[in-house]
Amino acid sequence: MSDTATLMKRAALAAIVTAGVLAGVKLAAFAWTGSVAMLASFADSALDFGASAVNALAIRFALSPADREHRFGHGKSEAIAGLAQGALMVASAAFLIWESANRLIAPQPLDNGTLGVAIAIFSIAATLALTLYQRRVIRATGSLAISADHLHYVTDLASNLALVLALILAVWLGIAWADGAFGLLIAAIIGWSALAIFRQSFDQLLDRELPDDERARLVAAASSGPGVLDVPA
């Protein structure tokens, strides 16, 4: 197995394990606190787990060598996995908007706020470690599937920060509507991330042309090679 394939598979496994642990912890925290913002964060992590599992399958297929039916390999399966991730994220965002709007209209008191904040901080630390590792793998492999995974784990950092603020405002400062408001914010972050993943995946599936300046740099680099007579622009 090549170093690139090993890195991609390890990154995919790391994402699955991290998302699974965080989803379990946040589900327990939602039961303890009753926070809709915690529910939103749990849904985000559960979604991450499913999306990362799909990613792992897509990466395994993408790394398969070319064959008679797929002469150019299976690399675009990563983009298809990106579309699946985006669809899951849109569905999750819609559910969270509904739940958060109801909590915003009818705020409810929360329990165990300090525990909720501690779990959110743990989530931030775990997600930050994962995104830093993914960034290294992306630089080494250029994998679209890992890039899509990285993008929504980066948005998880924002959603976990929003969760901390929601719990502080709702529990320690008595601003009950903050829970529903930040639930809506997390839903918006998930939806925005889904759009970015859709755009990236469609660009690869439809073979979108590179920007002119980037294309010019590639042509110049290829033309400078020894023995190169011409590079079609």
Protein backbone atom coordinates (compact mmCIF):
# COMPACT_ATOMS: atom_id res chain seq x y z
CA MET A 1 0.00 0.00 0.00
CA SER A 2 1.37 3.45 -0.91
CA ASP A 3 2.10 6.16 1.67
CA THR A 4 -0.72 8.26 0.21
CA ALA A 5 -3.27 5.48 0.58
CA THR A 6 -2.11 4.78 4.14
CA LEU A 7 -2.42 8.45 5.13
CA MET A 8 -5.89 8.75 3.63
CA LYS A 9 -7.16 5.61 5.35
CA ARG A 10 -5.70 6.65 8.70
CA ALA A 11 -7.29 10.11 8.43
CA ALA A 12 -10.66 8.56 7.58
CA LEU A 13 -10.42 6.20 10.56
CA ALA A 14 -9.40 9.05 12.89
CA ALA A 15 -12.46 11.04 11.80
CA ILE A 16 -14.83 8.09 12.42
CA VAL A 17 -13.44 7.43 15.90
CA THR A 18 -13.46 11.11 16.91
CA ALA A 19 -17.01 11.69 15.66
CA GLY A 20 -18.29 8.52 17.32
CA VAL A 21 -16.82 9.45 20.70
CA LEU A 22 -18.10 13.03 20.52
CA ALA A 23 -21.58 11.93 19.42
CA GLY A 24 -21.85 9.57 22.39
CA VAL A 25 -20.62 12.15 24.88
CA LYS A 26 -22.92 14.87 23.53
CA LEU A 27 -25.97 12.59 23.55
CA ALA A 28 -25.36 11.93 27.23
CA ALA A 29 -24.82 15.67 27.80
CA PHE A 30 -28.13 16.48 26.09
CA ALA A 31 -29.89 14.05 28.42
CA TRP A 32 -28.24 15.74 31.41
CA THR A 33 -28.74 19.38 30.35
CA GLY A 34 -31.83 19.41 28.10
CA SER A 35 -30.09 22.03 25.92
CA VAL A 36 -31.28 22.28 22.32
CA ALA A 37 -27.88 23.75 21.44
CA MET A 38 -26.32 20.55 22.83
CA LEU A 39 -28.85 18.57 20.77
CA ALA A 40 -27.74 20.52 17.71
CA SER A 41 -24.11 19.79 18.48
CA PHE A 42 -24.91 16.09 19.02
CA ALA A 43 -26.74 15.97 15.67
CA ASP A 44 -23.71 17.59 14.05
CA SER A 45 -21.35 14.97 15.54
CA ALA A 46 -23.70 12.09 14.66
CA LEU A 47 -23.84 13.46 11.13
CA ASP A 48 -20.06 13.66 11.10
CA PHE A 49 -19.86 10.00 12.09
CA GLY A 50 -22.13 8.92 9.24
CA ALA A 51 -20.43 11.19 6.73
CA SER A 52 -16.96 10.04 7.77
CA ALA A 53 -18.03 6.41 7.42
CA VAL A 54 -19.26 7.15 3.88
CA ASN A 55 -15.97 8.93 3.24
CA ALA A 56 -13.98 5.91 4.34
CA LEU A 57 -15.86 3.69 1.88
CA ALA A 58 -15.42 6.26 -0.89
CA ILE A 59 -11.69 6.52 -0.22
CA ARG A 60 -11.31 2.75 -0.33
CA PHE A 61 -13.11 2.67 -3.69
CA ALA A 62 -11.22 5.71 -5.02
CA LEU A 63 -7.90 4.03 -4.29
CA SER A 64 -8.86 1.00 -6.41
CA PRO A 65 -6.73 0.79 -9.57
CA ALA A 66 -8.15 1.50 -13.01
CA ASP A 67 -9.90 -1.38 -14.74
CA ARG A 68 -11.67 -2.14 -18.03
CA GLU A 69 -14.86 -0.36 -16.94
CA HIS A 70 -13.10 2.62 -15.34
CA ARG A 71 -10.03 3.40 -17.45
CA PHE A 72 -9.31 6.64 -15.57
CA GLY A 73 -9.61 5.11 -12.12
CA HIS A 74 -12.21 5.63 -9.42
CA GLY A 75 -11.14 8.99 -8.00
CA LYS A 76 -14.47 10.73 -8.59
CA SER A 77 -16.13 8.50 -6.02
CA GLU A 78 -14.72 10.99 -3.50
CA ALA A 79 -16.84 13.74 -5.05
CA ILE A 80 -19.93 11.52 -4.90
CA ALA A 81 -19.23 10.98 -1.19
CA GLY A 82 -19.07 14.76 -0.84
CA LEU A 83 -22.56 15.09 -2.33
CA ALA A 84 -23.85 12.50 0.15
CA GLN A 85 -22.27 14.44 3.01
CA GLY A 86 -23.85 17.67 1.83
CA ALA A 87 -27.31 16.09 1.61
CA LEU A 88 -27.04 14.72 5.15
CA MET A 89 -25.94 18.11 6.43
CA VAL A 90 -28.88 19.91 4.80
CA ALA A 91 -31.34 17.46 6.38
CA SER A 92 -29.69 17.89 9.77
CA ALA A 93 -29.77 21.69 9.50
CA ALA A 94 -33.49 21.65 8.65
CA PHE A 95 -34.27 19.50 11.70
CA LEU A 96 -32.23 21.74 13.98
CA ILE A 97 -33.89 24.91 12.68
CA TRP A 98 -37.29 23.44 13.61
CA GLU A 99 -36.19 22.36 17.09
CA SER A 100 -34.31 25.58 17.83
CA ALA A 101 -37.16 27.80 16.64
CA ASN A 102 -39.54 25.98 19.01
CA ARG A 103 -37.10 26.45 21.90
CA LEU A 104 -36.65 30.12 20.98
CA ILE A 105 -40.42 30.65 21.10
CA ALA A 106 -40.80 28.72 24.36
CA PRO A 107 -37.49 28.85 26.32
CA GLN A 108 -36.91 26.18 28.96
CA PRO A 109 -34.51 26.13 31.93
CA LEU A 110 -31.38 24.01 31.57
CA ASP A 111 -29.66 21.69 34.04
CA ASN A 112 -26.01 20.81 34.65
CA GLY A 113 -24.71 23.77 32.64
CA THR A 114 -21.16 23.48 33.99
CA LEU A 115 -20.96 19.87 32.83
CA GLY A 116 -22.24 20.92 29.43
CA VAL A 117 -19.55 23.59 29.11
CA ALA A 118 -16.86 21.07 30.08
CA ILE A 119 -18.06 18.64 27.42
CA ALA A 120 -18.13 21.42 24.80
CA ILE A 121 -14.53 22.36 25.66
CA PHE A 122 -13.49 18.70 25.39
CA SER A 123 -15.21 18.59 21.98
CA ILE A 124 -13.30 21.66 20.82
CA ALA A 125 -9.96 20.11 21.84
CA ALA A 126 -10.70 16.77 20.15
CA THR A 127 -11.99 18.40 16.96
CA LEU A 128 -9.02 20.79 16.79
CA ALA A 129 -6.58 17.87 17.04
CA LEU A 130 -8.42 16.04 14.26
CA THR A 131 -8.53 19.06 11.91
CA LEU A 132 -4.79 19.68 12.35
CA TYR A 133 -4.08 16.06 11.46
CA GLN A 134 -6.44 16.21 8.47
CA ARG A 135 -4.69 19.35 7.21
CA ARG A 136 -1.38 17.49 7.16
CA VAL A 137 -2.95 14.62 5.23
CA ILE A 138 -4.59 16.97 2.73
CA ARG A 139 -1.27 18.68 2.02
CA ALA A 140 0.34 15.29 1.44
CA THR A 141 -2.44 13.67 -0.63
CA GLY A 142 -4.75 16.35 -2.07
CA SER A 143 -7.72 14.10 -1.24
CA LEU A 144 -11.13 15.68 -1.94
CA ALA A 145 -12.86 13.31 0.50
CA ILE A 146 -10.52 14.28 3.34
CA SER A 147 -10.91 17.95 2.35
CA ALA A 148 -14.71 17.68 2.59
CA ASP A 149 -14.39 15.94 5.95
CA HIS A 150 -11.96 18.63 7.11
CA LEU A 151 -14.32 21.41 6.06
CA HIS A 152 -17.22 20.27 8.18
CA TYR A 153 -14.99 19.46 11.16
CA VAL A 154 -13.70 23.03 10.95
CA THR A 155 -17.30 24.23 11.12
CA ASP A 156 -17.68 21.96 14.16
CA LEU A 157 -15.16 24.17 15.95
CA ALA A 158 -17.44 27.15 15.37
CA SER A 159 -20.53 25.20 16.45
CA ASN A 160 -18.81 24.01 19.64
CA LEU A 161 -17.78 27.58 20.47
CA ALA A 162 -21.40 28.62 19.91
CA LEU A 163 -22.45 25.80 22.24
CA VAL A 164 -20.17 27.10 25.00
CA LEU A 165 -21.61 30.61 24.64
CA ALA A 166 -25.18 29.29 24.60
CA LEU A 167 -24.68 27.36 27.84
CA ILE A 168 -22.94 30.25 29.58
CA LEU A 169 -25.68 32.69 28.61
CA ALA A 170 -28.57 30.33 29.36
CA VAL A 171 -27.34 28.80 32.61
CA TRP A 172 -24.96 31.25 34.25
CA LEU A 173 -26.49 34.52 33.05
CA GLY A 174 -30.13 33.41 32.96
CA ILE A 175 -30.73 34.33 29.29
CA ALA A 176 -33.01 31.38 28.49
CA TRP A 177 -33.63 32.25 24.84
CA ALA A 178 -29.89 32.01 24.09
CA ASP A 179 -30.17 28.20 23.88
CA GLY A 180 -32.61 28.33 20.96
CA ALA A 181 -30.82 31.26 19.30
CA PHE A 182 -27.47 29.48 19.27
CA GLY A 183 -29.16 26.30 18.10
CA LEU A 184 -30.27 28.28 15.04
CA LEU A 185 -26.73 29.60 14.62
CA ILE A 186 -25.27 26.08 14.64
CA ALA A 187 -27.89 24.99 12.09
CA ALA A 188 -26.86 27.91 9.86
CA ILE A 189 -23.19 26.95 10.16
CA ILE A 190 -24.01 23.37 9.13
CA GLY A 191 -26.07 24.59 6.16
CA TRP A 192 -23.32 26.94 4.96
CA SER A 193 -20.75 24.16 5.20
CA ALA A 194 -23.04 21.87 3.16
CA LEU A 195 -23.18 24.44 0.35
CA ALA A 196 -19.38 24.64 0.26
CA ILE A 197 -19.11 20.84 0.05
CA PHE A 198 -21.73 20.72 -2.73
CA ARG A 199 -19.81 23.32 -4.72
CA GLN A 200 -16.48 21.52 -4.32
CA SER A 201 -17.96 18.16 -5.30
CA PHE A 202 -19.82 19.50 -8.35
CA ASP A 203 -16.64 21.23 -9.56
CA GLN A 204 -14.81 17.91 -9.61
CA LEU A 205 -17.66 15.87 -11.10
CA LEU A 206 -18.20 18.42 -13.90
CA ASP A 207 -14.45 18.93 -14.50
CA ARG A 208 -14.63 22.67 -13.89
CA GLU A 209 -11.77 24.57 -15.53
CA LEU A 210 -9.01 26.00 -13.34
CA PRO A 211 -8.73 29.80 -12.96
CA ASP A 212 -6.60 31.43 -15.68
CA ASP A 213 -3.76 32.44 -13.34
CA GLU A 214 -3.47 28.94 -11.87
CA ARG A 215 -3.62 27.39 -15.34
CA ALA A 216 -0.87 29.75 -16.52
CA ARG A 217 1.36 28.73 -13.60
CA LEU A 218 0.88 25.04 -14.41
CA VAL A 219 1.67 25.58 -18.09
CA ALA A 220 4.79 27.59 -17.19
CA ALA A 221 5.97 24.88 -14.79
CA ALA A 222 5.39 22.12 -17.35
CA SER A 223 7.08 24.15 -20.13
CA SER A 224 10.22 24.62 -18.06
CA GLY A 225 10.94 20.89 -17.93
CA PRO A 226 13.95 19.55 -19.84
CA GLY A 227 13.11 18.38 -23.36
CA VAL A 228 9.60 19.90 -23.37
CA LEU A 229 8.87 21.47 -26.76
CA ASP A 230 5.31 22.67 -26.22
CA VAL A 231 2.48 22.50 -23.68
CA PRO A 232 -1.06 23.04 -25.04
CA ALA A 233 -2.72 25.88 -23.16
